[in-house]
N, C-alpha and C. Protein backbone atom coordinates (compact mmCIF):
# COMPACT_ATOMS: atom_id res chain seq x y z
N MET A 1 41.43 78.34 -18.54
CA MET A 1 41.25 77.28 -18.67
C MET A 1 42.18 76.14 -18.01
N GLU A 2 41.52 74.94 -17.76
CA GLU A 2 42.42 74.23 -16.67
C GLU A 2 42.86 73.59 -18.26
N ASN A 3 44.19 72.74 -18.62
CA ASN A 3 44.82 71.82 -19.61
C ASN A 3 46.34 71.10 -18.82
N ASP A 4 46.62 70.40 -19.47
CA ASP A 4 47.55 69.10 -19.02
C ASP A 4 48.64 69.73 -18.27
N SER A 5 48.97 71.10 -19.28
CA SER A 5 50.25 71.86 -18.51
C SER A 5 49.98 72.86 -17.11
N GLN A 6 49.22 72.75 -16.83
CA GLN A 6 48.47 73.62 -15.80
C GLN A 6 47.98 72.35 -14.59
N PRO A 7 48.46 71.80 -13.62
CA PRO A 7 48.11 70.83 -13.07
C PRO A 7 46.42 71.49 -12.09
N ILE A 8 45.49 70.82 -11.97
CA ILE A 8 44.42 70.98 -11.86
C ILE A 8 44.47 70.33 -9.78
N SER A 9 43.69 71.32 -8.89
CA SER A 9 44.06 71.02 -8.13
C SER A 9 43.47 70.40 -6.76
N TRP A 10 43.65 69.48 -6.53
CA TRP A 10 42.73 68.23 -5.57
C TRP A 10 43.58 68.48 -3.93
N GLN A 11 42.58 69.04 -3.20
CA GLN A 11 42.72 68.69 -2.07
C GLN A 11 42.01 67.13 -1.37
N GLN A 12 42.79 66.84 -0.66
CA GLN A 12 43.26 65.52 -0.23
C GLN A 12 42.06 65.89 1.17
N LYS A 13 40.65 65.35 1.21
CA LYS A 13 40.38 65.45 2.75
C LYS A 13 41.00 64.13 3.53
N ASP A 14 41.25 63.00 3.73
CA ASP A 14 41.09 61.63 3.83
C ASP A 14 42.08 60.68 3.03
N ALA A 15 41.92 59.70 3.34
CA ALA A 15 43.22 58.90 3.04
C ALA A 15 42.38 58.33 1.61
N TYR A 16 40.51 58.67 1.41
CA TYR A 16 40.23 57.89 0.52
C TYR A 16 39.57 58.93 0.07
N SER A 17 39.87 60.37 0.20
CA SER A 17 39.02 60.80 -0.71
C SER A 17 39.62 62.52 -1.25
N TRP A 18 38.86 63.12 -1.95
CA TRP A 18 40.11 64.11 -2.64
C TRP A 18 38.39 65.02 -3.36
N PHE A 19 38.37 66.45 -2.67
CA PHE A 19 38.17 66.94 -3.85
C PHE A 19 38.54 68.12 -4.89
N GLY A 20 38.08 68.38 -6.00
CA GLY A 20 38.44 69.03 -7.00
C GLY A 20 38.07 69.49 -7.09
N PRO A 21 37.91 70.25 -9.06
CA PRO A 21 37.24 71.50 -9.13
C PRO A 21 35.69 71.94 -8.88
N LYS A 22 35.13 73.02 -9.01
CA LYS A 22 34.01 73.02 -9.07
C LYS A 22 32.47 71.54 -8.46
N GLY A 23 33.29 71.00 -7.74
CA GLY A 23 32.78 70.06 -6.67
C GLY A 23 33.00 68.57 -6.94
N TRP A 24 33.87 68.11 -7.59
CA TRP A 24 34.23 66.75 -8.44
C TRP A 24 34.75 66.20 -7.09
N THR A 25 34.45 64.87 -6.79
CA THR A 25 35.40 64.23 -6.17
C THR A 25 35.80 63.14 -6.50
N ILE A 26 37.07 62.63 -6.34
CA ILE A 26 37.27 60.71 -6.16
C ILE A 26 37.43 60.47 -4.89
N CYS A 27 36.84 59.56 -4.99
CA CYS A 27 37.41 58.54 -3.84
C CYS A 27 37.56 56.70 -4.08
N ARG A 28 38.67 56.55 -3.16
CA ARG A 28 39.49 55.56 -3.32
C ARG A 28 38.29 54.92 -2.57
N VAL A 29 38.44 53.30 -2.96
CA VAL A 29 37.39 52.30 -2.71
C VAL A 29 37.72 51.57 -2.63
N TYR A 30 38.28 50.28 -2.22
CA TYR A 30 38.43 48.54 -2.35
C TYR A 30 37.34 47.85 -2.42
N VAL A 31 37.99 47.63 -4.42
CA VAL A 31 36.55 46.69 -4.95
C VAL A 31 37.17 45.40 -5.59
N PHE A 32 36.64 44.44 -4.81
CA PHE A 32 37.18 42.94 -5.76
C PHE A 32 38.29 43.40 -4.97
N GLY A 33 38.80 42.61 -4.68
CA GLY A 33 40.30 43.00 -4.05
C GLY A 33 41.37 43.83 -4.13
N GLN A 34 41.12 45.05 -4.55
CA GLN A 34 41.86 45.95 -5.77
C GLN A 34 41.65 47.19 -5.32
N TRP A 35 42.17 47.93 -4.81
CA TRP A 35 41.86 49.61 -4.21
C TRP A 35 41.76 49.94 -6.13
N ARG A 36 40.65 50.93 -6.18
CA ARG A 36 40.20 51.80 -7.21
C ARG A 36 40.11 53.37 -6.83
N PHE A 37 39.55 54.13 -7.98
CA PHE A 37 39.53 55.53 -8.21
C PHE A 37 38.80 55.99 -9.04
N LYS A 38 36.97 56.29 -7.72
CA LYS A 38 35.89 57.00 -8.64
C LYS A 38 35.82 58.34 -8.71
N LEU A 39 35.45 58.29 -9.72
CA LEU A 39 35.24 59.78 -10.07
C LEU A 39 33.74 60.62 -9.85
N TRP A 40 34.07 61.58 -9.14
CA TRP A 40 32.21 61.40 -8.86
C TRP A 40 32.10 63.35 -9.18
N PRO A 41 30.70 63.79 -10.05
CA PRO A 41 30.63 64.83 -10.67
C PRO A 41 29.95 66.03 -9.72
N PRO A 42 29.39 66.36 -9.55
CA PRO A 42 29.00 67.00 -8.55
C PRO A 42 27.34 67.48 -8.33
N ALA A 43 26.71 67.21 -9.22
CA ALA A 43 25.47 67.47 -9.58
C ALA A 43 24.57 66.50 -9.38
N ASP A 44 24.84 65.19 -9.54
CA ASP A 44 24.62 64.04 -8.69
C ASP A 44 25.64 63.07 -8.06
N PRO A 45 25.92 63.31 -6.57
CA PRO A 45 26.27 62.56 -5.67
C PRO A 45 26.61 60.79 -5.65
N ALA A 46 24.47 59.94 -6.23
CA ALA A 46 24.67 59.04 -6.48
C ALA A 46 24.98 57.97 -7.63
N MET A 47 25.92 58.94 -8.78
CA MET A 47 25.70 59.08 -10.03
C MET A 47 27.54 58.89 -10.02
N HIS A 48 28.47 57.82 -10.42
CA HIS A 48 29.86 57.95 -10.59
C HIS A 48 29.87 58.07 -11.71
N VAL A 49 30.88 58.64 -12.66
CA VAL A 49 30.90 58.70 -13.83
C VAL A 49 31.85 57.56 -14.70
N GLY A 50 33.11 57.34 -13.17
CA GLY A 50 33.55 56.00 -13.63
C GLY A 50 34.62 55.69 -12.81
N TRP A 51 35.17 54.38 -12.96
CA TRP A 51 36.87 54.26 -12.25
C TRP A 51 38.16 54.38 -12.06
N ARG A 52 39.37 53.79 -11.82
CA ARG A 52 40.62 53.84 -12.86
C ARG A 52 41.78 53.53 -11.32
N SER A 53 42.47 52.90 -11.90
CA SER A 53 43.22 51.99 -11.09
C SER A 53 43.91 52.65 -10.09
N SER A 54 44.09 54.34 -10.53
CA SER A 54 45.04 54.68 -10.01
C SER A 54 44.98 56.34 -10.05
N PHE A 55 45.12 57.06 -9.15
CA PHE A 55 44.92 58.90 -8.55
C PHE A 55 44.98 59.30 -10.49
N GLU A 56 46.20 59.63 -10.49
CA GLU A 56 45.94 60.36 -11.88
C GLU A 56 45.42 59.50 -12.88
N ALA A 57 45.22 58.23 -13.14
CA ALA A 57 44.09 57.94 -14.28
C ALA A 57 42.91 58.66 -14.18
N ALA A 58 42.59 58.31 -12.90
CA ALA A 58 41.09 59.39 -11.97
C ALA A 58 41.02 60.76 -12.76
N GLN A 59 42.24 60.99 -12.64
CA GLN A 59 41.86 63.09 -13.07
C GLN A 59 42.31 63.25 -14.64
N THR A 60 43.12 61.89 -15.15
CA THR A 60 42.74 61.97 -16.88
C THR A 60 41.37 61.91 -17.18
N LEU A 61 40.24 60.88 -16.50
CA LEU A 61 39.01 60.28 -16.87
C LEU A 61 38.50 61.37 -16.28
N TYR A 62 38.56 62.75 -15.30
CA TYR A 62 38.50 64.17 -15.19
C TYR A 62 38.24 65.09 -16.64
N ARG A 63 39.85 65.00 -16.86
CA ARG A 63 39.70 65.63 -17.90
C ARG A 63 38.96 65.66 -18.84
N GLU A 64 39.18 63.75 -19.63
CA GLU A 64 38.08 63.96 -20.62
C GLU A 64 36.83 64.09 -20.43
N PHE A 65 36.45 63.55 -19.58
CA PHE A 65 34.70 63.81 -19.68
C PHE A 65 34.47 65.36 -19.62
N ASN A 66 35.21 66.56 -18.77
CA ASN A 66 35.19 67.86 -18.85
C ASN A 66 35.66 68.37 -20.58
N GLY A 67 36.29 67.71 -21.82
CA GLY A 67 36.88 68.16 -22.45
C GLY A 67 37.92 69.45 -22.00
N LEU A 68 38.69 68.56 -21.35
CA LEU A 68 39.92 69.80 -20.77
C LEU A 68 41.23 69.41 -21.85
C-alpha cells in the first residue's frame, strides 16, 4: 500500500505531463497567467479531480482523493 513514507512513482512524459499509478495523470497547464497542475483520474479523462499550484500539491491531492 502506498503512503507518505513510500514515494509514489510518477513518470514524466514531457514538460507538461506525468503518468502515475493505475493510469492517473498530472498535467501542467497555464491558466489565468499562472502555471497549475491538474490531476486527472484514469476512468474519465474528461473530468479532472482538481488543480494545485505545485506538482507536490497535486501529488498530495492524489493521496487525499485515494485515501492514502
